[in-house]
Amino acid sequence: MPVLKTKMYEYRKALKLQQSDLAEMVGVRRETIGKLENGYYNPSLKLAMDIAKVFGKSVEEVFCFEEDEDAD
């Protein structure tokens, strides 16, 4: 089963942003950013687009689906 993977952490660190900075920029709580980065939450399309815009990337560059290696 595919799982959503993200490069948010890498892009955020490259811009020297804290989770709280990114959260404020896209209108969510800091905890939401943490959950997204750790794979505990899937963003809405609007949120994914807003995050990608902050990074100057496409949604596909920030988020992608990969096969879950732990799946039976």
N, C-alpha and C. Protein backbone atom coordinates (compact mmCIF):
# COMPACT_ATOMS: atom_id res chain seq x y z
N MET A 1 0.85 -1.18 0.00
CA MET A 1 0.00 0.00 0.00
C MET A 1 0.90 1.25 0.00
N PRO A 2 0.65 2.20 -0.88
CA PRO A 2 1.48 3.40 -0.95
C PRO A 2 1.32 4.27 0.30
N VAL A 3 2.42 4.88 0.71
CA VAL A 3 2.41 5.83 1.82
C VAL A 3 2.96 7.16 1.33
N LEU A 4 2.45 8.24 1.90
CA LEU A 4 2.88 9.57 1.51
C LEU A 4 4.21 9.90 2.18
N LYS A 5 5.18 10.27 1.37
CA LYS A 5 6.50 10.70 1.86
C LYS A 5 6.65 12.19 1.56
N THR A 6 7.45 12.86 2.36
CA THR A 6 7.64 14.29 2.16
C THR A 6 9.10 14.69 2.33
N LYS A 7 9.47 15.76 1.65
CA LYS A 7 10.80 16.35 1.80
C LYS A 7 10.70 17.70 2.52
N MET A 8 9.60 17.87 3.24
CA MET A 8 9.38 19.14 3.94
C MET A 8 10.53 19.51 4.87
N TYR A 9 11.00 18.56 5.64
CA TYR A 9 12.06 18.84 6.61
C TYR A 9 13.30 19.40 5.91
N GLU A 10 13.73 18.73 4.85
CA GLU A 10 14.92 19.16 4.13
C GLU A 10 14.75 20.56 3.54
N TYR A 11 13.60 20.80 2.91
CA TYR A 11 13.35 22.12 2.31
C TYR A 11 13.23 23.20 3.38
N ARG A 12 12.59 22.87 4.50
CA ARG A 12 12.41 23.83 5.58
C ARG A 12 13.77 24.20 6.17
N LYS A 13 14.62 23.21 6.40
CA LYS A 13 15.95 23.48 6.96
C LYS A 13 16.81 24.29 5.98
N ALA A 14 16.67 24.02 4.69
CA ALA A 14 17.43 24.77 3.69
C ALA A 14 17.07 26.26 3.71
N LEU A 15 15.82 26.56 4.06
CA LEU A 15 15.38 27.96 4.15
C LEU A 15 15.57 28.52 5.56
N LYS A 16 16.13 27.70 6.46
CA LYS A 16 16.34 28.09 7.86
C LYS A 16 15.04 28.52 8.54
N LEU A 17 13.99 27.75 8.29
CA LEU A 17 12.69 28.00 8.91
C LEU A 17 12.45 27.03 10.05
N GLN A 18 11.86 27.51 11.11
CA GLN A 18 11.40 26.65 12.19
C GLN A 18 10.02 26.11 11.79
N GLN A 19 9.59 25.03 12.43
CA GLN A 19 8.25 24.51 12.16
C GLN A 19 7.21 25.60 12.39
N SER A 20 7.39 26.38 13.43
CA SER A 20 6.42 27.44 13.74
C SER A 20 6.39 28.52 12.65
N ASP A 21 7.54 28.80 12.05
CA ASP A 21 7.60 29.78 10.95
C ASP A 21 6.77 29.29 9.76
N LEU A 22 7.02 28.05 9.37
CA LEU A 22 6.29 27.48 8.23
C LEU A 22 4.80 27.40 8.53
N ALA A 23 4.47 27.00 9.76
CA ALA A 23 3.06 26.90 10.15
C ALA A 23 2.36 28.23 10.01
N GLU A 24 3.00 29.29 10.47
CA GLU A 24 2.41 30.62 10.37
C GLU A 24 2.22 31.04 8.91
N MET A 25 3.20 30.70 8.08
CA MET A 25 3.15 31.09 6.67
C MET A 25 2.00 30.41 5.92
N VAL A 26 1.63 29.19 6.33
CA VAL A 26 0.58 28.46 5.61
C VAL A 26 -0.72 28.38 6.41
N GLY A 27 -0.76 28.98 7.59
CA GLY A 27 -2.01 29.07 8.34
C GLY A 27 -2.43 27.82 9.09
N VAL A 28 -1.46 27.08 9.63
CA VAL A 28 -1.78 25.90 10.44
C VAL A 28 -0.99 25.98 11.75
N ARG A 29 -1.24 25.03 12.64
CA ARG A 29 -0.50 24.96 13.90
C ARG A 29 0.85 24.29 13.68
N ARG A 30 1.80 24.61 14.55
CA ARG A 30 3.13 24.01 14.46
C ARG A 30 3.05 22.49 14.54
N GLU A 31 2.14 21.99 15.36
CA GLU A 31 1.98 20.54 15.51
C GLU A 31 1.61 19.87 14.19
N THR A 32 0.84 20.57 13.38
CA THR A 32 0.46 20.03 12.07
C THR A 32 1.69 19.84 11.19
N ILE A 33 2.59 20.79 11.21
CA ILE A 33 3.82 20.68 10.42
C ILE A 33 4.63 19.49 10.91
N GLY A 34 4.75 19.33 12.22
CA GLY A 34 5.47 18.19 12.78
C GLY A 34 4.85 16.86 12.36
N LYS A 35 3.53 16.78 12.40
CA LYS A 35 2.85 15.55 11.99
C LYS A 35 3.05 15.27 10.51
N LEU A 36 3.02 16.30 9.69
CA LEU A 36 3.26 16.13 8.26
C LEU A 36 4.68 15.62 8.01
N GLU A 37 5.66 16.23 8.67
CA GLU A 37 7.05 15.85 8.47
C GLU A 37 7.32 14.41 8.91
N ASN A 38 6.59 13.95 9.91
CA ASN A 38 6.81 12.61 10.45
C ASN A 38 5.87 11.56 9.87
N GLY A 39 5.06 11.94 8.90
CA GLY A 39 4.20 10.99 8.22
C GLY A 39 2.95 10.58 8.98
N TYR A 40 2.55 11.38 9.96
CA TYR A 40 1.36 11.06 10.75
C TYR A 40 0.10 11.76 10.25
N TYR A 41 0.24 12.55 9.19
CA TYR A 41 -0.89 13.35 8.71
C TYR A 41 -0.73 13.57 7.22
N ASN A 42 -1.82 13.45 6.48
CA ASN A 42 -1.81 13.74 5.05
C ASN A 42 -2.45 15.12 4.85
N PRO A 43 -1.78 15.99 4.11
CA PRO A 43 -2.31 17.35 3.93
C PRO A 43 -3.46 17.38 2.93
N SER A 44 -4.29 18.39 3.09
CA SER A 44 -5.28 18.67 2.05
C SER A 44 -4.53 19.15 0.82
N LEU A 45 -5.18 19.15 -0.31
CA LEU A 45 -4.55 19.63 -1.54
C LEU A 45 -4.14 21.09 -1.38
N LYS A 46 -5.01 21.90 -0.79
CA LYS A 46 -4.69 23.32 -0.59
C LYS A 46 -3.45 23.49 0.29
N LEU A 47 -3.39 22.75 1.39
CA LEU A 47 -2.23 22.86 2.28
C LEU A 47 -0.96 22.40 1.57
N ALA A 48 -1.03 21.31 0.83
CA ALA A 48 0.13 20.82 0.09
C ALA A 48 0.61 21.88 -0.91
N MET A 49 -0.33 22.52 -1.59
CA MET A 49 0.03 23.56 -2.56
C MET A 49 0.63 24.78 -1.87
N ASP A 50 0.07 25.16 -0.72
CA ASP A 50 0.60 26.30 0.03
C ASP A 50 2.02 26.02 0.51
N ILE A 51 2.27 24.82 1.01
CA ILE A 51 3.60 24.46 1.48
C ILE A 51 4.59 24.46 0.31
N ALA A 52 4.21 23.86 -0.80
CA ALA A 52 5.09 23.83 -1.97
C ALA A 52 5.43 25.24 -2.44
N LYS A 53 4.45 26.13 -2.39
CA LYS A 53 4.67 27.51 -2.82
C LYS A 53 5.72 28.20 -1.94
N VAL A 54 5.66 27.98 -0.63
CA VAL A 54 6.65 28.56 0.28
C VAL A 54 8.05 28.11 -0.12
N PHE A 55 8.19 26.85 -0.51
CA PHE A 55 9.50 26.31 -0.87
C PHE A 55 9.90 26.61 -2.31
N GLY A 56 8.98 27.16 -3.10
CA GLY A 56 9.28 27.42 -4.51
C GLY A 56 9.40 26.13 -5.30
N LYS A 57 8.66 25.11 -4.89
CA LYS A 57 8.70 23.79 -5.52
C LYS A 57 7.31 23.39 -5.97
N SER A 58 7.24 22.35 -6.79
CA SER A 58 5.94 21.78 -7.14
C SER A 58 5.50 20.86 -6.02
N VAL A 59 4.21 20.58 -5.96
CA VAL A 59 3.69 19.66 -4.95
C VAL A 59 4.40 18.30 -5.07
N GLU A 60 4.65 17.87 -6.31
CA GLU A 60 5.29 16.57 -6.54
C GLU A 60 6.74 16.53 -6.04
N GLU A 61 7.39 17.69 -5.98
CA GLU A 61 8.75 17.74 -5.46
C GLU A 61 8.78 17.65 -3.94
N VAL A 62 7.70 18.08 -3.29
CA VAL A 62 7.63 18.08 -1.83
C VAL A 62 7.01 16.79 -1.30
N PHE A 63 5.98 16.29 -1.99
CA PHE A 63 5.25 15.10 -1.55
C PHE A 63 5.24 14.05 -2.65
N CYS A 64 5.37 12.78 -2.25
CA CYS A 64 5.25 11.69 -3.22
C CYS A 64 4.75 10.44 -2.50
N PHE A 65 4.19 9.54 -3.26
CA PHE A 65 3.75 8.26 -2.72
C PHE A 65 4.80 7.21 -3.02
N GLU A 66 5.13 6.40 -2.02
CA GLU A 66 6.06 5.27 -2.18
C GLU A 66 5.41 4.05 -1.60
N GLU A 67 5.80 2.91 -2.12
CA GLU A 67 5.28 1.65 -1.60
C GLU A 67 5.78 1.45 -0.18
N ASP A 68 4.88 1.00 0.70
CA ASP A 68 5.22 0.73 2.09
C ASP A 68 6.00 -0.59 2.14
N GLU A 69 7.26 -0.50 2.56
CA GLU A 69 8.12 -1.69 2.59
C GLU A 69 7.71 -2.67 3.67
N ASP A 70 6.94 -2.23 4.65
CA ASP A 70 6.51 -3.09 5.74
C ASP A 70 5.22 -3.83 5.42
N ALA A 71 4.59 -3.51 4.30
CA ALA A 71 3.32 -4.14 3.93
C ALA A 71 3.56 -5.61 3.57
N ASP A 72 2.59 -6.44 3.92
CA ASP A 72 2.70 -7.86 3.61
C ASP A 72 2.20 -8.18 2.22
